[in-house]
Amino acid sequence: MAGRRRWSTEEILDAAVELLRSGSTESFSVRKLAATLGTDSSSLYRHFRSKTELLRAVADRILMDAMEDYVPEGDWRQRITSLALRVREAFGRQPQLAAVWGRYASGGTGSRLVVEEVLQALRASGLPDEEIPVRYHRLAVLIAALVTSEAGVSTITPQEYEQGMELFRVSVLGADPERFPALARFARDVRPLGADRAAAFEELLAAQLDQIEGARSAQTA
C-alpha cells in the first residue's frame, strides 16, 4: 500500500493561500487545510507548530511578493513611498491576509526585507541613528493600519457595502441638528470610510514623511 504523500512547506503554503482566498481567516483551520491536501493535521504540524505560525508564514509570503524585483530608486521619501504602495498592492490581491499581518506581524524573510529597506531609507534621510527606530515604528504602525483597514473594506460583499452606505446616510444625514450641530453642518461633505482610500493612504503616508523631513531639517539647522 502506497504511503501518504509528504507535502513540502511551500506546497502547504500554496494550498493555504488558495484556501484563504475562498474563505476567511476566522473559518480557516489546520484541519481544513489538511483535508484539502488529503492528509491529517499532524503532518502539517511538523512544518508549523500552530495555526498562528502558519498564518504568519503565509502573510510573510505576501511580503516576499511585494519585494520581488524591488530595486531602491529615488531619494529616501520615494523609496519608502514606493515600498508602502508595493505592500498595499500585494495585500490588496489577498486582502484576507492583511488582517493576519496586522494582527500577528511576521518574522520571516519577507518581513526582514521590508524592515531593512525602510531602515536603510531612513538612514539615507540623514536622521541620527538614535531617532531611526522610533520613526520606523511610526511608519510600520501607520502602513499596517492603512493596509489592514483598506483590505477589510475590500472583502465585504456588494450587499454588505450597500447596507453600510445606507446606514451611513441615515446616521449622518439624519442626525438631529440640535444634538449634533457640527455633524448636521458638514453632513453632505462627510465621506464614508470606504471612499477614496487610495488618496487617503498616500496623503497620510506623506504627512508622516513630512514629520520625518521636519525632524531631519531641525537636526541640520
C-alpha atoms as a PDB file:
ATOM      1  CA  MET A   1       0.000   0.000   0.000  1.00  0.00           C
ATOM      2  CA  ALA A   2       1.412   3.363  -1.013  1.00  0.00           C
ATOM      3  CA  GLY A   3       2.349   5.707   1.803  1.00  0.00           C
ATOM      4  CA  ARG A   4       0.672   9.041   2.274  1.00  0.00           C
ATOM      5  CA  ARG A   5       2.279  11.813   0.274  1.00  0.00           C
ATOM      6  CA  ARG A   6       4.613  14.163   2.127  1.00  0.00           C
ATOM      7  CA  TRP A   7       3.924  17.795   1.343  1.00  0.00           C
ATOM      8  CA  SER A   8       6.688  20.387   1.267  1.00  0.00           C
ATOM      9  CA  THR A   9       6.463  23.625   3.215  1.00  0.00           C
ATOM     10  CA  GLU A  10       6.000  25.587   0.006  1.00  0.00           C
ATOM     11  CA  GLU A  11       3.195  23.308  -1.171  1.00  0.00           C
ATOM     12  CA  ILE A  12       1.432  23.697   2.175  1.00  0.00           C
ATOM     13  CA  LEU A  13       1.700  27.482   1.916  1.00  0.00           C
ATOM     14  CA  ASP A  14       0.373  27.380  -1.660  1.00  0.00           C
ATOM     15  CA  ALA A  15      -2.657  25.393  -0.510  1.00  0.00           C
ATOM     16  CA  ALA A  16      -3.205  27.700   2.464  1.00  0.00           C
ATOM     17  CA  VAL A  17      -3.210  30.747   0.198  1.00  0.00           C
ATOM     18  CA  GLU A  18      -5.833  29.164  -2.067  1.00  0.00           C
ATOM     19  CA  LEU A  19      -7.984  28.156   0.894  1.00  0.00           C
ATOM     20  CA  LEU A  20      -7.806  31.634   2.375  1.00  0.00           C
ATOM     21  CA  ARG A  21      -8.627  33.189  -0.981  1.00  0.00           C
ATOM     22  CA  SER A  22     -12.024  31.496  -0.954  1.00  0.00           C
ATOM     23  CA  GLY A  23     -12.731  31.956   2.737  1.00  0.00           C
ATOM     24  CA  SER A  24     -11.633  33.952   5.754  1.00  0.00           C
ATOM     25  CA  THR A  25      -9.033  33.694   8.468  1.00  0.00           C
ATOM     26  CA  GLU A  26     -11.799  33.066  11.017  1.00  0.00           C
ATOM     27  CA  SER A  27     -13.076  29.983   9.174  1.00  0.00           C
ATOM     28  CA  PHE A  28      -9.588  28.791   8.269  1.00  0.00           C
ATOM     29  CA  SER A  29      -8.206  25.862  10.248  1.00  0.00           C
ATOM     30  CA  VAL A  30      -5.280  23.472  10.038  1.00  0.00           C
ATOM     31  CA  ARG A  31      -7.804  20.620   9.867  1.00  0.00           C
ATOM     32  CA  LYS A  32      -9.486  22.127   6.799  1.00  0.00           C
ATOM     33  CA  LEU A  33      -6.126  22.672   5.155  1.00  0.00           C
ATOM     34  CA  ALA A  34      -5.109  19.087   5.893  1.00  0.00           C
ATOM     35  CA  ALA A  35      -8.360  17.822   4.376  1.00  0.00           C
ATOM     36  CA  THR A  36      -7.708  19.903   1.244  1.00  0.00           C
ATOM     37  CA  LEU A  37      -4.303  18.272   0.920  1.00  0.00           C
ATOM     38  CA  GLY A  38      -5.645  14.804   1.657  1.00  0.00           C
ATOM     39  CA  THR A  39      -3.594  14.369   4.798  1.00  0.00           C
ATOM     40  CA  ASP A  40      -4.012  14.765   8.553  1.00  0.00           C
ATOM     41  CA  SER A  41      -3.279  17.747  10.782  1.00  0.00           C
ATOM     42  CA  SER A  42      -0.337  16.078  12.481  1.00  0.00           C
ATOM     43  CA  SER A  43       1.610  16.025   9.212  1.00  0.00           C
ATOM     44  CA  LEU A  44       1.211  19.802   8.880  1.00  0.00           C
ATOM     45  CA  TYR A  45       2.288  20.421  12.461  1.00  0.00           C
ATOM     46  CA  ARG A  46       5.662  19.001  11.513  1.00  0.00           C
ATOM     47  CA  HIS A  47       6.103  22.146   9.419  1.00  0.00           C
ATOM     48  CA  PHE A  48       4.224  24.674  11.560  1.00  0.00           C
ATOM     49  CA  ARG A  49       3.713  24.439  15.303  1.00  0.00           C
ATOM     50  CA  SER A  50       0.355  26.243  15.285  1.00  0.00           C
ATOM     51  CA  LYS A  51      -2.283  27.859  13.098  1.00  0.00           C
ATOM     52  CA  THR A  52      -0.852  31.254  14.015  1.00  0.00           C
ATOM     53  CA  GLU A  53       2.630  30.268  12.866  1.00  0.00           C
ATOM     54  CA  LEU A  54       1.186  29.001   9.596  1.00  0.00           C
ATOM     55  CA  LEU A  55      -0.772  32.222   9.009  1.00  0.00           C
ATOM     56  CA  ARG A  56       2.318  34.294   9.755  1.00  0.00           C
ATOM     57  CA  ALA A  57       4.236  32.307   7.170  1.00  0.00           C
ATOM     58  CA  VAL A  58       1.511  32.913   4.584  1.00  0.00           C
ATOM     59  CA  ALA A  59       1.477  36.644   5.368  1.00  0.00           C
ATOM     60  CA  ASP A  60       5.254  36.700   5.046  1.00  0.00           C
ATOM     61  CA  ARG A  61       4.917  35.210   1.592  1.00  0.00           C
ATOM     62  CA  ILE A  62       2.798  38.226   0.634  1.00  0.00           C
ATOM     63  CA  LEU A  63       5.632  40.479   1.782  1.00  0.00           C
ATOM     64  CA  MET A  64       8.042  38.399  -0.294  1.00  0.00           C
ATOM     65  CA  ASP A  65       5.786  39.000  -3.300  1.00  0.00           C
ATOM     66  CA  ALA A  66       5.846  42.725  -2.569  1.00  0.00           C
ATOM     67  CA  MET A  67       9.643  42.732  -2.505  1.00  0.00           C
ATOM     68  CA  GLU A  68      10.085  40.632  -5.640  1.00  0.00           C
ATOM     69  CA  ASP A  69      12.217  42.507  -8.171  1.00  0.00           C
ATOM     70  CA  TYR A  70      12.246  45.551  -5.894  1.00  0.00           C
ATOM     71  CA  VAL A  71      15.084  47.956  -6.632  1.00  0.00           C
ATOM     72  CA  PRO A  72      15.515  51.074  -4.446  1.00  0.00           C
ATOM     73  CA  GLU A  73      15.110  54.170  -6.582  1.00  0.00           C
ATOM     74  CA  GLY A  74      14.970  57.875  -5.832  1.00  0.00           C
ATOM     75  CA  ASP A  75      15.504  59.623  -2.531  1.00  0.00           C
ATOM     76  CA  TRP A  76      14.525  58.273   0.881  1.00  0.00           C
ATOM     77  CA  ARG A  77      10.928  59.526   0.605  1.00  0.00           C
ATOM     78  CA  GLN A  78      10.432  57.945  -2.789  1.00  0.00           C
ATOM     79  CA  ARG A  79      11.847  54.664  -1.533  1.00  0.00           C
ATOM     80  CA  ILE A  80       9.516  54.471   1.454  1.00  0.00           C
ATOM     81  CA  THR A  81       6.503  55.557  -0.609  1.00  0.00           C
ATOM     82  CA  SER A  82       7.260  53.001  -3.316  1.00  0.00           C
ATOM     83  CA  LEU A  83       7.690  50.254  -0.739  1.00  0.00           C
ATOM     84  CA  ALA A  84       4.467  51.136   1.083  1.00  0.00           C
ATOM     85  CA  LEU A  85       2.496  51.102  -2.169  1.00  0.00           C
ATOM     86  CA  ARG A  86       4.017  47.728  -3.083  1.00  0.00           C
ATOM     87  CA  VAL A  87       2.938  46.262   0.247  1.00  0.00           C
ATOM     88  CA  ARG A  88      -0.519  47.773  -0.172  1.00  0.00           C
ATOM     89  CA  GLU A  89      -0.866  46.339  -3.665  1.00  0.00           C
ATOM     90  CA  ALA A  90       0.357  42.890  -2.605  1.00  0.00           C
ATOM     91  CA  PHE A  91      -2.145  42.614   0.246  1.00  0.00           C
ATOM     92  CA  GLY A  92      -4.817  44.114  -1.981  1.00  0.00           C
ATOM     93  CA  ARG A  93      -4.576  40.925  -4.041  1.00  0.00           C
ATOM     94  CA  GLN A  94      -5.008  38.831  -0.880  1.00  0.00           C
ATOM     95  CA  PRO A  95      -6.985  41.072   1.500  1.00  0.00           C
ATOM     96  CA  GLN A  96      -7.875  38.258   3.908  1.00  0.00           C
ATOM     97  CA  LEU A  97      -4.222  38.072   4.893  1.00  0.00           C
ATOM     98  CA  ALA A  98      -3.856  41.780   5.603  1.00  0.00           C
ATOM     99  CA  ALA A  99      -5.664  41.273   8.911  1.00  0.00           C
ATOM    100  CA  VAL A 100      -3.292  38.410   9.721  1.00  0.00           C
ATOM    101  CA  TRP A 101      -0.292  40.635   9.047  1.00  0.00           C
ATOM    102  CA  GLY A 102      -1.753  43.492  11.059  1.00  0.00           C
ATOM    103  CA  ARG A 103      -2.594  41.226  13.991  1.00  0.00           C
ATOM    104  CA  TYR A 104       0.305  38.803  14.142  1.00  0.00           C
ATOM    105  CA  ALA A 105       3.010  40.528  12.080  1.00  0.00           C
ATOM    106  CA  SER A 106       5.662  38.317  10.509  1.00  0.00           C
ATOM    107  CA  GLY A 107       9.211  37.358  11.299  1.00  0.00           C
ATOM    108  CA  GLY A 108      10.210  35.722   8.039  1.00  0.00           C
ATOM    109  CA  THR A 109      12.422  36.764   5.168  1.00  0.00           C
ATOM    110  CA  GLY A 110       9.743  38.962   3.608  1.00  0.00           C
ATOM    111  CA  SER A 111       9.385  40.935   6.821  1.00  0.00           C
ATOM    112  CA  ARG A 112      13.144  41.324   7.156  1.00  0.00           C
ATOM    113  CA  LEU A 113      13.408  42.630   3.606  1.00  0.00           C
ATOM    114  CA  VAL A 114      10.732  45.259   4.243  1.00  0.00           C
ATOM    115  CA  VAL A 115      12.223  46.334   7.579  1.00  0.00           C
ATOM    116  CA  GLU A 116      15.720  46.511   6.105  1.00  0.00           C
ATOM    117  CA  GLU A 117      14.631  48.738   3.247  1.00  0.00           C
ATOM    118  CA  VAL A 118      12.712  51.149   5.490  1.00  0.00           C
ATOM    119  CA  LEU A 119      15.645  51.409   7.896  1.00  0.00           C
ATOM    120  CA  GLN A 120      18.065  51.951   5.013  1.00  0.00           C
ATOM    121  CA  ALA A 121      15.832  54.677   3.571  1.00  0.00           C
ATOM    122  CA  LEU A 122      15.575  56.391   6.952  1.00  0.00           C
ATOM    123  CA  ARG A 123      19.363  56.318   7.305  1.00  0.00           C
ATOM    124  CA  ALA A 124      19.597  57.890   3.858  1.00  0.00           C
ATOM    125  CA  SER A 125      17.304  60.691   5.056  1.00  0.00           C
ATOM    126  CA  GLY A 126      20.028  61.990   7.326  1.00  0.00           C
ATOM    127  CA  LEU A 127      18.248  61.301  10.603  1.00  0.00           C
ATOM    128  CA  PRO A 128      20.578  60.494  13.502  1.00  0.00           C
ATOM    129  CA  ASP A 129      20.712  56.781  14.260  1.00  0.00           C
ATOM    130  CA  GLU A 130      19.069  57.169  17.663  1.00  0.00           C
ATOM    131  CA  GLU A 131      15.864  58.518  16.054  1.00  0.00           C
ATOM    132  CA  ILE A 132      15.536  55.911  13.321  1.00  0.00           C
ATOM    133  CA  PRO A 133      13.964  53.044  15.343  1.00  0.00           C
ATOM    134  CA  VAL A 134      11.150  55.291  16.625  1.00  0.00           C
ATOM    135  CA  ARG A 135      10.479  56.742  13.172  1.00  0.00           C
ATOM    136  CA  TYR A 136      10.475  53.233  11.724  1.00  0.00           C
ATOM    137  CA  HIS A 137       7.924  52.103  14.292  1.00  0.00           C
ATOM    138  CA  ARG A 138       5.591  55.007  13.486  1.00  0.00           C
ATOM    139  CA  LEU A 139       5.777  54.206   9.796  1.00  0.00           C
ATOM    140  CA  ALA A 140       5.207  50.487  10.377  1.00  0.00           C
ATOM    141  CA  VAL A 141       2.126  51.111  12.526  1.00  0.00           C
ATOM    142  CA  LEU A 142       0.677  53.575  10.011  1.00  0.00           C
ATOM    143  CA  ILE A 143       1.240  51.379   6.957  1.00  0.00           C
ATOM    144  CA  ALA A 144      -0.096  48.246   8.671  1.00  0.00           C
ATOM    145  CA  ALA A 145      -3.179  50.121   9.892  1.00  0.00           C
ATOM    146  CA  LEU A 146      -3.916  51.611   6.482  1.00  0.00           C
ATOM    147  CA  VAL A 147      -3.366  48.347   4.609  1.00  0.00           C
ATOM    148  CA  THR A 148      -5.462  46.359   7.080  1.00  0.00           C
ATOM    149  CA  SER A 149      -8.295  48.888   7.070  1.00  0.00           C
ATOM    150  CA  GLU A 150      -8.415  49.090   3.292  1.00  0.00           C
ATOM    151  CA  ALA A 151      -8.301  45.324   2.907  1.00  0.00           C
ATOM    152  CA  GLY A 152     -11.138  44.926   5.398  1.00  0.00           C
ATOM    153  CA  VAL A 153     -13.401  47.094   3.275  1.00  0.00           C
ATOM    154  CA  SER A 154     -12.472  45.240   0.088  1.00  0.00           C
ATOM    155  CA  THR A 155     -13.583  41.871   1.500  1.00  0.00           C
ATOM    156  CA  ILE A 156     -17.208  42.825   2.123  1.00  0.00           C
ATOM    157  CA  THR A 157     -19.868  41.784  -0.360  1.00  0.00           C
ATOM    158  CA  PRO A 158     -21.711  44.323  -2.573  1.00  0.00           C
ATOM    159  CA  GLN A 159     -24.825  43.752  -0.467  1.00  0.00           C
ATOM    160  CA  GLU A 160     -22.925  44.454   2.752  1.00  0.00           C
ATOM    161  CA  TYR A 161     -21.427  47.567   1.157  1.00  0.00           C
ATOM    162  CA  GLU A 162     -24.853  48.918   0.195  1.00  0.00           C
ATOM    163  CA  GLN A 163     -26.195  48.184   3.665  1.00  0.00           C
ATOM    164  CA  GLY A 164     -23.255  50.046   5.169  1.00  0.00           C
ATOM    165  CA  MET A 165     -23.796  53.012   2.857  1.00  0.00           C
ATOM    166  CA  GLU A 166     -27.458  53.173   3.790  1.00  0.00           C
ATOM    167  CA  LEU A 167     -26.588  53.117   7.494  1.00  0.00           C
ATOM    168  CA  PHE A 168     -24.042  55.856   6.873  1.00  0.00           C
ATOM    169  CA  ARG A 169     -26.581  58.041   5.106  1.00  0.00           C
ATOM    170  CA  VAL A 170     -29.129  57.547   7.869  1.00  0.00           C
ATOM    171  CA  SER A 171     -26.668  58.214  10.686  1.00  0.00           C
ATOM    172  CA  VAL A 172     -25.099  61.275   9.046  1.00  0.00           C
ATOM    173  CA  LEU A 173     -27.819  62.938   7.000  1.00  0.00           C
ATOM    174  CA  GLY A 174     -30.480  62.077   9.548  1.00  0.00           C
ATOM    175  CA  ALA A 175     -28.594  63.406  12.562  1.00  0.00           C
ATOM    176  CA  ASP A 176     -30.510  65.707  14.911  1.00  0.00           C
ATOM    177  CA  PRO A 177     -29.001  69.191  14.311  1.00  0.00           C
ATOM    178  CA  GLU A 178     -29.649  70.250  17.883  1.00  0.00           C
ATOM    179  CA  ARG A 179     -27.755  67.333  19.364  1.00  0.00           C
ATOM    180  CA  PHE A 180     -25.154  67.027  16.590  1.00  0.00           C
ATOM    181  CA  PRO A 181     -24.765  70.562  15.196  1.00  0.00           C
ATOM    182  CA  ALA A 182     -21.328  70.022  13.633  1.00  0.00           C
ATOM    183  CA  LEU A 183     -22.406  66.761  12.023  1.00  0.00           C
ATOM    184  CA  ALA A 184     -25.514  68.420  10.612  1.00  0.00           C
ATOM    185  CA  ARG A 185     -23.424  71.288   9.250  1.00  0.00           C
ATOM    186  CA  PHE A 186     -20.953  69.067   7.394  1.00  0.00           C
ATOM    187  CA  ALA A 187     -23.204  66.068   6.720  1.00  0.00           C
ATOM    188  CA  ARG A 188     -23.277  66.433   2.946  1.00  0.00           C
ATOM    189  CA  ASP A 189     -19.493  66.680   2.748  1.00  0.00           C
ATOM    190  CA  VAL A 190     -18.537  63.942   5.211  1.00  0.00           C
ATOM    191  CA  ARG A 191     -17.500  60.833   3.312  1.00  0.00           C
ATOM    192  CA  PRO A 192     -17.785  57.183   4.386  1.00  0.00           C
ATOM    193  CA  LEU A 193     -14.647  55.271   5.348  1.00  0.00           C
ATOM    194  CA  GLY A 194     -14.682  53.313   2.119  1.00  0.00           C
ATOM    195  CA  ALA A 195     -14.476  56.404  -0.090  1.00  0.00           C
ATOM    196  CA  ASP A 196     -11.284  57.396  -1.911  1.00  0.00           C
ATOM    197  CA  ARG A 197      -8.993  55.249   0.218  1.00  0.00           C
ATOM    198  CA  ALA A 198      -6.155  55.380  -2.317  1.00  0.00           C
ATOM    199  CA  ALA A 199      -5.769  59.149  -1.933  1.00  0.00           C
ATOM    200  CA  ALA A 200      -6.170  58.929   1.845  1.00  0.00           C
ATOM    201  CA  PHE A 201      -3.440  56.286   2.040  1.00  0.00           C
ATOM    202  CA  GLU A 202      -0.952  58.403   0.114  1.00  0.00           C
ATOM    203  CA  GLU A 203      -1.837  61.632   1.942  1.00  0.00           C
ATOM    204  CA  LEU A 204      -1.473  60.094   5.399  1.00  0.00           C
ATOM    205  CA  LEU A 205       1.805  58.466   4.420  1.00  0.00           C
ATOM    206  CA  ALA A 206       3.064  61.769   3.006  1.00  0.00           C
ATOM    207  CA  ALA A 207       2.123  63.534   6.247  1.00  0.00           C
ATOM    208  CA  GLN A 208       4.193  61.045   8.246  1.00  0.00           C
ATOM    209  CA  LEU A 209       7.131  61.540   5.886  1.00  0.00           C
ATOM    210  CA  ASP A 210       6.735  65.314   6.274  1.00  0.00           C
ATOM    211  CA  GLN A 211       7.200  64.871  10.014  1.00  0.00           C
ATOM    212  CA  ILE A 212      10.398  62.944   9.404  1.00  0.00           C
ATOM    213  CA  GLU A 213      11.549  65.640   6.993  1.00  0.00           C
ATOM    214  CA  GLY A 214      10.874  68.264   9.634  1.00  0.00           C
ATOM    215  CA  ALA A 215      12.831  66.336  12.243  1.00  0.00           C
ATOM    216  CA  ARG A 216      15.720  65.862   9.832  1.00  0.00           C
ATOM    217  CA  SER A 217      15.756  69.558   8.952  1.00  0.00           C
ATOM    218  CA  ALA A 218      15.749  70.526  12.625  1.00  0.00           C
ATOM    219  CA  GLN A 219      18.803  68.366  13.181  1.00  0.00           C
ATOM    220  CA  THR A 220      20.757  70.061  10.409  1.00  0.00           C
ATOM    221  CA  ALA A 221      19.638  73.621  11.171  1.00  0.00           C
END
